């Protein structure tokens, strides 16, 4: 975009002033929050090469509180996400968690799932059987968790 600005060093015969380009506005980096799988560290993301223009934040798993379900845990993780309209990336159970976090945020660009499931129907049959047989206390998801 060009705008007319007076040039103190030059008067044009037409009475018009010289055109000067507007200064470029620096774009804000796109925030990306990465959550590893439950038994992994955020170091799994450290050696990825990100294109210019992305600001990457590596999240870690916190110790769950007694009787804390996935939804309550997601609230705690969502409090760590301070940037507006981020991309959320989750691996395995971290992907399930990031879907819940996305529901708590006012806005987000997208949720990227890596080796994860988008709905309970995609859970492996052994996990669905655990829920039916009420053996979920021995699995990573508690009976009250839904996503």
N, C-alpha and C. Protein backbone atom coordinates (compact mmCIF):
# COMPACT_ATOMS: atom_id res chain seq x y z
N UNK A 1 0.84 -1.17 0.00
CA UNK A 1 0.00 0.00 0.00
C UNK A 1 0.88 1.23 0.00
N UNK A 2 0.55 2.19 -0.79
CA UNK A 2 1.30 3.43 -0.85
C UNK A 2 0.43 4.56 -0.35
N UNK A 3 1.07 5.50 0.32
CA UNK A 3 0.34 6.68 0.76
C UNK A 3 1.11 7.91 0.33
N UNK A 4 0.41 9.02 0.15
CA UNK A 4 1.05 10.28 -0.21
C UNK A 4 1.57 10.95 1.05
N UNK A 5 2.85 11.25 1.05
CA UNK A 5 3.45 11.97 2.15
C UNK A 5 4.21 13.16 1.58
N UNK A 6 4.17 14.25 2.26
CA UNK A 6 4.95 15.39 1.76
C UNK A 6 6.45 15.09 1.85
N UNK A 7 7.15 15.38 0.78
CA UNK A 7 8.60 15.22 0.76
C UNK A 7 9.21 16.60 0.86
N UNK A 8 9.85 16.93 1.97
CA UNK A 8 10.37 18.29 2.14
C UNK A 8 11.49 18.63 1.16
N UNK A 9 12.11 17.64 0.55
CA UNK A 9 13.24 17.89 -0.35
C UNK A 9 12.83 18.01 -1.81
N UNK A 10 11.59 17.78 -2.12
CA UNK A 10 11.23 17.74 -3.53
C UNK A 10 9.83 18.29 -3.74
N UNK A 11 9.69 19.26 -4.62
CA UNK A 11 8.39 19.74 -5.05
C UNK A 11 8.20 19.31 -6.49
N UNK A 12 7.14 18.61 -6.74
CA UNK A 12 6.88 18.16 -8.10
C UNK A 12 6.07 19.22 -8.83
N UNK A 13 6.28 19.32 -10.16
CA UNK A 13 5.58 20.34 -10.93
C UNK A 13 4.05 20.19 -10.88
N UNK A 14 3.57 18.98 -10.73
CA UNK A 14 2.13 18.77 -10.73
C UNK A 14 1.49 19.22 -9.42
N UNK A 15 2.30 19.57 -8.47
CA UNK A 15 1.76 19.94 -7.17
C UNK A 15 1.59 18.74 -6.24
N UNK A 16 1.77 17.54 -6.79
CA UNK A 16 1.66 16.33 -5.98
C UNK A 16 2.99 16.06 -5.29
N UNK A 17 2.92 15.43 -4.21
CA UNK A 17 4.13 15.06 -3.47
C UNK A 17 4.58 13.67 -3.90
N UNK A 18 5.82 13.35 -3.63
CA UNK A 18 6.36 12.03 -3.97
C UNK A 18 5.69 10.95 -3.12
N UNK A 19 5.58 9.77 -3.68
CA UNK A 19 5.01 8.63 -2.97
C UNK A 19 6.09 7.93 -2.17
N UNK A 20 5.74 7.57 -0.96
CA UNK A 20 6.65 6.81 -0.10
C UNK A 20 5.91 5.58 0.38
N UNK A 21 6.54 4.41 0.34
CA UNK A 21 5.84 3.21 0.83
C UNK A 21 5.63 3.27 2.33
N UNK A 22 4.54 2.69 2.78
CA UNK A 22 4.30 2.62 4.22
C UNK A 22 5.28 1.64 4.84
N UNK A 23 5.66 1.88 6.07
CA UNK A 23 6.56 0.92 6.71
C UNK A 23 5.89 -0.43 6.86
N UNK A 24 6.67 -1.49 6.75
CA UNK A 24 6.12 -2.83 6.90
C UNK A 24 5.77 -3.07 8.36
N UNK A 25 4.61 -3.67 8.55
CA UNK A 25 4.19 -4.01 9.90
C UNK A 25 4.72 -5.40 10.21
N UNK A 26 5.40 -5.52 11.33
CA UNK A 26 5.97 -6.81 11.71
C UNK A 26 4.85 -7.73 12.18
N UNK A 27 4.79 -8.90 11.59
CA UNK A 27 3.76 -9.86 11.96
C UNK A 27 4.13 -10.54 13.27
N UNK A 28 3.10 -10.82 14.06
CA UNK A 28 3.30 -11.55 15.31
C UNK A 28 3.54 -13.02 14.98
N UNK A 29 4.41 -13.64 15.75
CA UNK A 29 4.67 -15.07 15.55
C UNK A 29 3.42 -15.86 15.95
N UNK A 30 3.18 -16.96 15.26
CA UNK A 30 2.05 -17.83 15.56
C UNK A 30 2.45 -18.72 16.74
N UNK A 31 1.69 -18.67 17.84
CA UNK A 31 2.04 -19.49 18.99
C UNK A 31 1.66 -20.95 18.78
N UNK A 32 2.57 -21.84 19.17
CA UNK A 32 2.34 -23.28 19.08
C UNK A 32 2.65 -23.89 20.45
N UNK A 33 1.70 -24.65 20.99
CA UNK A 33 1.90 -25.33 22.27
C UNK A 33 1.94 -26.83 22.01
N UNK A 34 2.99 -27.48 22.47
CA UNK A 34 3.22 -28.91 22.22
C UNK A 34 3.15 -29.70 23.52
N UNK A 35 2.32 -30.75 23.52
CA UNK A 35 2.18 -31.62 24.69
C UNK A 35 2.60 -33.03 24.33
N UNK A 36 3.60 -33.58 25.01
CA UNK A 36 4.03 -34.95 24.70
C UNK A 36 3.04 -35.98 25.23
N UNK A 37 3.30 -37.24 24.93
CA UNK A 37 2.51 -38.33 25.49
C UNK A 37 2.76 -38.45 26.98
N UNK A 38 1.92 -39.22 27.65
CA UNK A 38 1.96 -39.28 29.12
C UNK A 38 3.32 -39.74 29.66
N UNK A 39 3.94 -40.70 29.06
CA UNK A 39 5.21 -41.21 29.59
C UNK A 39 6.42 -40.56 28.93
N UNK A 40 6.19 -39.48 28.19
CA UNK A 40 7.29 -38.84 27.46
C UNK A 40 7.55 -37.45 28.00
N UNK A 41 8.66 -36.90 27.57
CA UNK A 41 9.05 -35.55 27.93
C UNK A 41 8.88 -34.65 26.71
N UNK A 42 8.82 -33.36 26.93
CA UNK A 42 8.70 -32.42 25.81
C UNK A 42 9.98 -32.39 24.97
N UNK A 43 11.00 -33.09 25.41
CA UNK A 43 12.24 -33.16 24.61
C UNK A 43 11.97 -33.80 23.25
N UNK A 44 10.86 -34.53 23.10
CA UNK A 44 10.56 -35.13 21.80
C UNK A 44 10.35 -34.07 20.73
N UNK A 45 10.06 -32.83 21.13
CA UNK A 45 9.84 -31.75 20.17
C UNK A 45 11.07 -30.88 19.95
N UNK A 46 12.11 -31.03 20.77
CA UNK A 46 13.24 -30.11 20.75
C UNK A 46 14.00 -30.05 19.44
N UNK A 47 14.10 -31.14 18.73
CA UNK A 47 14.93 -31.14 17.52
C UNK A 47 14.13 -30.96 16.24
N UNK A 48 12.86 -30.62 16.38
CA UNK A 48 12.06 -30.31 15.19
C UNK A 48 12.47 -28.94 14.68
N UNK A 49 12.53 -28.81 13.38
CA UNK A 49 12.85 -27.52 12.78
C UNK A 49 11.54 -26.84 12.40
N UNK A 50 11.28 -25.72 13.03
CA UNK A 50 10.04 -24.98 12.80
C UNK A 50 10.29 -23.88 11.78
N UNK A 51 9.37 -23.64 10.89
CA UNK A 51 9.53 -22.52 9.95
C UNK A 51 9.55 -21.20 10.71
N UNK A 52 10.11 -20.21 10.08
CA UNK A 52 10.13 -18.88 10.69
C UNK A 52 8.70 -18.40 10.88
N UNK A 53 8.46 -17.70 11.96
CA UNK A 53 7.14 -17.15 12.20
C UNK A 53 6.32 -17.94 13.21
N UNK A 54 6.92 -18.96 13.82
CA UNK A 54 6.23 -19.74 14.85
C UNK A 54 6.96 -19.59 16.17
N UNK A 55 6.22 -19.41 17.24
CA UNK A 55 6.80 -19.36 18.58
C UNK A 55 6.34 -20.61 19.32
N UNK A 56 7.28 -21.51 19.57
CA UNK A 56 6.95 -22.83 20.12
C UNK A 56 7.11 -22.84 21.63
N UNK A 57 6.09 -23.38 22.31
CA UNK A 57 6.08 -23.53 23.76
C UNK A 57 5.95 -25.02 24.06
N UNK A 58 6.87 -25.55 24.83
CA UNK A 58 6.84 -26.97 25.18
C UNK A 58 6.21 -27.14 26.55
N UNK A 59 5.16 -27.92 26.60
CA UNK A 59 4.45 -28.19 27.85
C UNK A 59 4.93 -29.50 28.45
N UNK A 60 4.80 -29.63 29.74
CA UNK A 60 5.17 -30.86 30.45
C UNK A 60 3.97 -31.34 31.26
N UNK A 61 3.96 -32.62 31.55
CA UNK A 61 2.93 -33.20 32.41
C UNK A 61 3.21 -32.80 33.84
N UNK A 62 2.17 -32.39 34.55
CA UNK A 62 2.26 -32.12 35.99
C UNK A 62 1.76 -33.35 36.73
N UNK A 63 2.16 -33.46 37.96
CA UNK A 63 1.66 -34.55 38.80
C UNK A 63 0.16 -34.38 39.00
N UNK A 64 -0.64 -35.39 38.66
CA UNK A 64 -2.09 -35.24 38.88
C UNK A 64 -2.42 -35.17 40.36
N UNK A 65 -3.44 -34.42 40.66
CA UNK A 65 -3.92 -34.32 42.04
C UNK A 65 -4.80 -35.52 42.36
N UNK A 66 -4.96 -35.86 43.61
CA UNK A 66 -5.81 -37.01 43.96
C UNK A 66 -7.22 -36.84 43.39
N UNK A 67 -7.71 -37.90 42.76
CA UNK A 67 -9.06 -37.96 42.19
C UNK A 67 -9.29 -36.92 41.09
N UNK A 68 -8.22 -36.42 40.49
CA UNK A 68 -8.35 -35.42 39.43
C UNK A 68 -8.57 -36.12 38.10
N UNK A 69 -9.66 -35.81 37.43
CA UNK A 69 -9.96 -36.38 36.13
C UNK A 69 -9.30 -35.59 35.00
N UNK A 70 -9.47 -36.08 33.80
CA UNK A 70 -8.86 -35.45 32.63
C UNK A 70 -9.35 -34.02 32.44
N UNK A 71 -10.63 -33.76 32.64
CA UNK A 71 -11.17 -32.42 32.44
C UNK A 71 -10.59 -31.41 33.43
N UNK A 72 -10.47 -31.81 34.69
CA UNK A 72 -9.87 -30.91 35.68
C UNK A 72 -8.39 -30.69 35.39
N UNK A 73 -7.75 -31.73 34.94
CA UNK A 73 -6.33 -31.61 34.58
C UNK A 73 -6.17 -30.66 33.39
N UNK A 74 -7.09 -30.74 32.43
CA UNK A 74 -7.05 -29.86 31.25
C UNK A 74 -7.18 -28.40 31.65
N UNK A 75 -7.97 -28.12 32.67
CA UNK A 75 -8.11 -26.75 33.16
C UNK A 75 -6.75 -26.23 33.63
N UNK A 76 -6.02 -27.05 34.36
CA UNK A 76 -4.70 -26.63 34.84
C UNK A 76 -3.72 -26.39 33.69
N UNK A 77 -3.76 -27.26 32.69
CA UNK A 77 -2.86 -27.09 31.54
C UNK A 77 -3.26 -25.85 30.73
N UNK A 78 -4.56 -25.63 30.58
CA UNK A 78 -5.05 -24.47 29.81
C UNK A 78 -4.57 -23.16 30.43
N UNK A 79 -4.38 -23.14 31.73
CA UNK A 79 -3.89 -21.92 32.39
C UNK A 79 -2.46 -21.57 31.97
N UNK A 80 -1.73 -22.54 31.45
CA UNK A 80 -0.36 -22.29 31.00
C UNK A 80 -0.33 -21.69 29.59
N UNK A 81 -1.46 -21.73 28.90
CA UNK A 81 -1.53 -21.22 27.53
C UNK A 81 -1.98 -19.77 27.59
N UNK A 82 -1.04 -18.88 27.39
CA UNK A 82 -1.31 -17.46 27.54
C UNK A 82 -1.45 -16.72 26.22
N UNK A 83 -0.99 -17.32 25.14
CA UNK A 83 -1.06 -16.65 23.84
C UNK A 83 -2.46 -16.78 23.23
N UNK A 84 -2.82 -15.80 22.44
CA UNK A 84 -4.13 -15.78 21.78
C UNK A 84 -4.08 -16.62 20.50
N UNK A 85 -5.10 -17.41 20.28
CA UNK A 85 -5.31 -18.15 19.03
C UNK A 85 -4.13 -19.07 18.67
N UNK A 86 -3.75 -19.97 19.58
CA UNK A 86 -2.58 -20.82 19.31
C UNK A 86 -2.92 -22.06 18.47
N UNK A 87 -1.88 -22.70 17.99
CA UNK A 87 -1.96 -24.05 17.44
C UNK A 87 -1.63 -24.98 18.60
N UNK A 88 -2.42 -26.03 18.77
CA UNK A 88 -2.20 -26.99 19.85
C UNK A 88 -1.78 -28.33 19.24
N UNK A 89 -0.67 -28.88 19.70
CA UNK A 89 -0.17 -30.15 19.20
C UNK A 89 -0.06 -31.12 20.36
N UNK A 90 -0.58 -32.34 20.18
CA UNK A 90 -0.49 -33.33 21.23
C UNK A 90 -0.17 -34.70 20.68
N UNK A 91 0.69 -35.42 21.39
CA UNK A 91 1.08 -36.77 21.02
C UNK A 91 0.38 -37.75 21.97
N UNK A 92 -0.26 -38.77 21.41
CA UNK A 92 -0.89 -39.82 22.19
C UNK A 92 -1.88 -39.24 23.20
N UNK A 93 -1.74 -39.54 24.49
CA UNK A 93 -2.66 -39.00 25.47
C UNK A 93 -2.56 -37.48 25.54
N UNK A 94 -1.41 -36.94 25.17
CA UNK A 94 -1.27 -35.48 25.08
C UNK A 94 -2.21 -34.90 24.03
N UNK A 95 -2.51 -35.67 22.98
CA UNK A 95 -3.47 -35.23 21.97
C UNK A 95 -4.88 -35.20 22.51
N UNK A 96 -5.24 -36.20 23.30
CA UNK A 96 -6.56 -36.22 23.94
C UNK A 96 -6.67 -35.02 24.88
N UNK A 97 -5.61 -34.77 25.64
CA UNK A 97 -5.61 -33.64 26.57
C UNK A 97 -5.74 -32.32 25.82
N UNK A 98 -5.02 -32.15 24.72
CA UNK A 98 -5.07 -30.88 23.98
C UNK A 98 -6.45 -30.64 23.37
N UNK A 99 -7.18 -31.69 23.05
CA UNK A 99 -8.56 -31.50 22.57
C UNK A 99 -9.43 -30.91 23.68
N UNK A 100 -9.22 -31.38 24.90
CA UNK A 100 -9.97 -30.84 26.04
C UNK A 100 -9.54 -29.41 26.34
N UNK A 101 -8.25 -29.14 26.24
CA UNK A 101 -7.75 -27.79 26.46
C UNK A 101 -8.36 -26.84 25.43
N UNK A 102 -8.46 -27.27 24.18
CA UNK A 102 -9.03 -26.43 23.12
C UNK A 102 -10.45 -26.00 23.46
N UNK A 103 -11.22 -26.87 24.07
CA UNK A 103 -12.60 -26.53 24.45
C UNK A 103 -12.65 -25.44 25.52
N UNK A 104 -11.58 -25.29 26.26
CA UNK A 104 -11.54 -24.31 27.35
C UNK A 104 -11.03 -22.95 26.91
N UNK A 105 -10.38 -22.89 25.76
CA UNK A 105 -9.79 -21.64 25.30
C UNK A 105 -10.82 -20.80 24.54
N UNK A 106 -10.70 -19.48 24.61
CA UNK A 106 -11.64 -18.64 23.85
C UNK A 106 -11.47 -18.79 22.34
N UNK A 107 -10.24 -19.07 21.90
CA UNK A 107 -10.00 -19.30 20.47
C UNK A 107 -8.70 -20.08 20.30
N UNK A 108 -8.63 -20.82 19.20
CA UNK A 108 -7.42 -21.54 18.82
C UNK A 108 -7.46 -21.75 17.32
N UNK A 109 -6.28 -21.93 16.71
CA UNK A 109 -6.22 -22.12 15.26
C UNK A 109 -6.60 -23.54 14.87
N UNK A 110 -5.94 -24.51 15.50
CA UNK A 110 -6.24 -25.91 15.21
C UNK A 110 -5.60 -26.79 16.28
N UNK A 111 -6.04 -28.05 16.30
CA UNK A 111 -5.44 -29.05 17.17
C UNK A 111 -4.83 -30.10 16.26
N UNK A 112 -3.56 -30.37 16.44
CA UNK A 112 -2.85 -31.37 15.64
C UNK A 112 -2.65 -32.59 16.52
N UNK A 113 -3.16 -33.73 16.07
CA UNK A 113 -3.03 -34.98 16.82
C UNK A 113 -1.96 -35.85 16.18
N UNK A 114 -1.06 -36.36 17.00
CA UNK A 114 -0.01 -37.27 16.54
C UNK A 114 -0.16 -38.56 17.33
N UNK A 115 -0.40 -39.67 16.65
CA UNK A 115 -0.58 -40.97 17.31
C UNK A 115 -1.61 -40.88 18.42
N UNK A 116 -2.74 -40.29 18.13
CA UNK A 116 -3.78 -40.08 19.12
C UNK A 116 -5.14 -40.39 18.51
N UNK A 117 -6.19 -40.17 19.27
CA UNK A 117 -7.55 -40.40 18.80
C UNK A 117 -8.35 -39.11 18.91
N UNK A 118 -9.29 -38.94 17.99
CA UNK A 118 -10.12 -37.74 17.99
C UNK A 118 -11.45 -37.95 18.70
N UNK A 119 -11.84 -39.20 18.93
CA UNK A 119 -13.12 -39.48 19.60
C UNK A 119 -13.04 -40.84 20.28
N UNK A 120 -13.94 -41.11 21.21
CA UNK A 120 -13.92 -42.41 21.90
C UNK A 120 -14.09 -43.60 20.95
N UNK A 121 -14.76 -43.38 19.84
CA UNK A 121 -14.94 -44.47 18.86
C UNK A 121 -13.62 -44.93 18.27
N UNK A 122 -12.62 -44.09 18.30
CA UNK A 122 -11.31 -44.44 17.75
C UNK A 122 -10.40 -45.13 18.76
N UNK A 123 -10.85 -45.24 20.01
CA UNK A 123 -10.04 -45.93 21.03
C UNK A 123 -9.86 -47.39 20.64
N UNK A 124 -8.72 -47.96 20.97
CA UNK A 124 -8.53 -49.39 20.73
C UNK A 124 -9.56 -50.20 21.52
N UNK A 125 -9.87 -51.38 21.01
CA UNK A 125 -10.90 -52.20 21.65
C UNK A 125 -10.57 -52.54 23.10
N UNK A 126 -9.28 -52.73 23.44
CA UNK A 126 -8.93 -53.07 24.82
C UNK A 126 -9.28 -51.92 25.76
N UNK A 127 -9.16 -50.67 25.30
CA UNK A 127 -9.53 -49.54 26.15
C UNK A 127 -11.04 -49.45 26.32
N UNK A 128 -11.77 -49.74 25.25
CA UNK A 128 -13.24 -49.73 25.37
C UNK A 128 -13.71 -50.83 26.32
N UNK A 129 -13.04 -52.01 26.27
CA UNK A 129 -13.38 -53.09 27.19
C UNK A 129 -13.09 -52.70 28.63
N UNK A 130 -11.99 -51.99 28.86
CA UNK A 130 -11.67 -51.54 30.22
C UNK A 130 -12.79 -50.68 30.78
N UNK A 131 -13.33 -49.82 29.95
CA UNK A 131 -14.41 -48.95 30.42
C UNK A 131 -15.65 -49.77 30.76
N UNK A 132 -15.98 -50.73 29.89
CA UNK A 132 -17.17 -51.57 30.12
C UNK A 132 -17.01 -52.45 31.34
N UNK A 133 -15.81 -52.97 31.57
CA UNK A 133 -15.59 -53.88 32.71
C UNK A 133 -15.18 -53.14 33.98
N UNK A 134 -15.17 -51.81 33.89
CA UNK A 134 -14.82 -50.95 35.03
C UNK A 134 -13.41 -51.20 35.55
N UNK A 135 -12.51 -51.54 34.65
CA UNK A 135 -11.10 -51.68 35.02
C UNK A 135 -10.32 -50.44 34.63
N UNK A 136 -11.05 -49.35 34.35
CA UNK A 136 -10.37 -48.11 33.95
C UNK A 136 -9.48 -47.50 35.02
N UNK A 137 -9.67 -47.78 36.33
CA UNK A 137 -8.69 -47.22 37.27
C UNK A 137 -7.28 -47.72 36.98
N UNK A 138 -7.17 -48.81 36.24
CA UNK A 138 -5.85 -49.35 35.90
C UNK A 138 -5.40 -48.90 34.52
N UNK A 139 -6.19 -48.04 33.87
CA UNK A 139 -5.82 -47.50 32.56
C UNK A 139 -5.64 -45.98 32.71
N UNK A 140 -5.07 -45.33 31.71
CA UNK A 140 -4.78 -43.89 31.83
C UNK A 140 -6.04 -43.02 31.94
N UNK A 141 -7.20 -43.47 31.47
CA UNK A 141 -8.41 -42.67 31.52
C UNK A 141 -9.29 -43.13 32.66
N UNK A 142 -9.86 -42.20 33.40
CA UNK A 142 -10.76 -42.58 34.48
C UNK A 142 -12.18 -42.70 33.93
N UNK A 143 -13.10 -43.39 34.63
CA UNK A 143 -14.45 -43.64 34.12
C UNK A 143 -15.24 -42.37 33.82
N UNK A 144 -14.94 -41.28 34.48
CA UNK A 144 -15.71 -40.05 34.28
C UNK A 144 -15.18 -39.17 33.15
N UNK A 145 -14.06 -39.54 32.57
CA UNK A 145 -13.46 -38.73 31.52
C UNK A 145 -14.10 -39.03 30.18
N UNK A 146 -14.45 -38.00 29.48
CA UNK A 146 -14.95 -38.10 28.11
C UNK A 146 -14.23 -37.07 27.28
N UNK A 147 -14.13 -37.33 26.02
CA UNK A 147 -13.52 -36.33 25.13
C UNK A 147 -14.18 -36.40 23.80
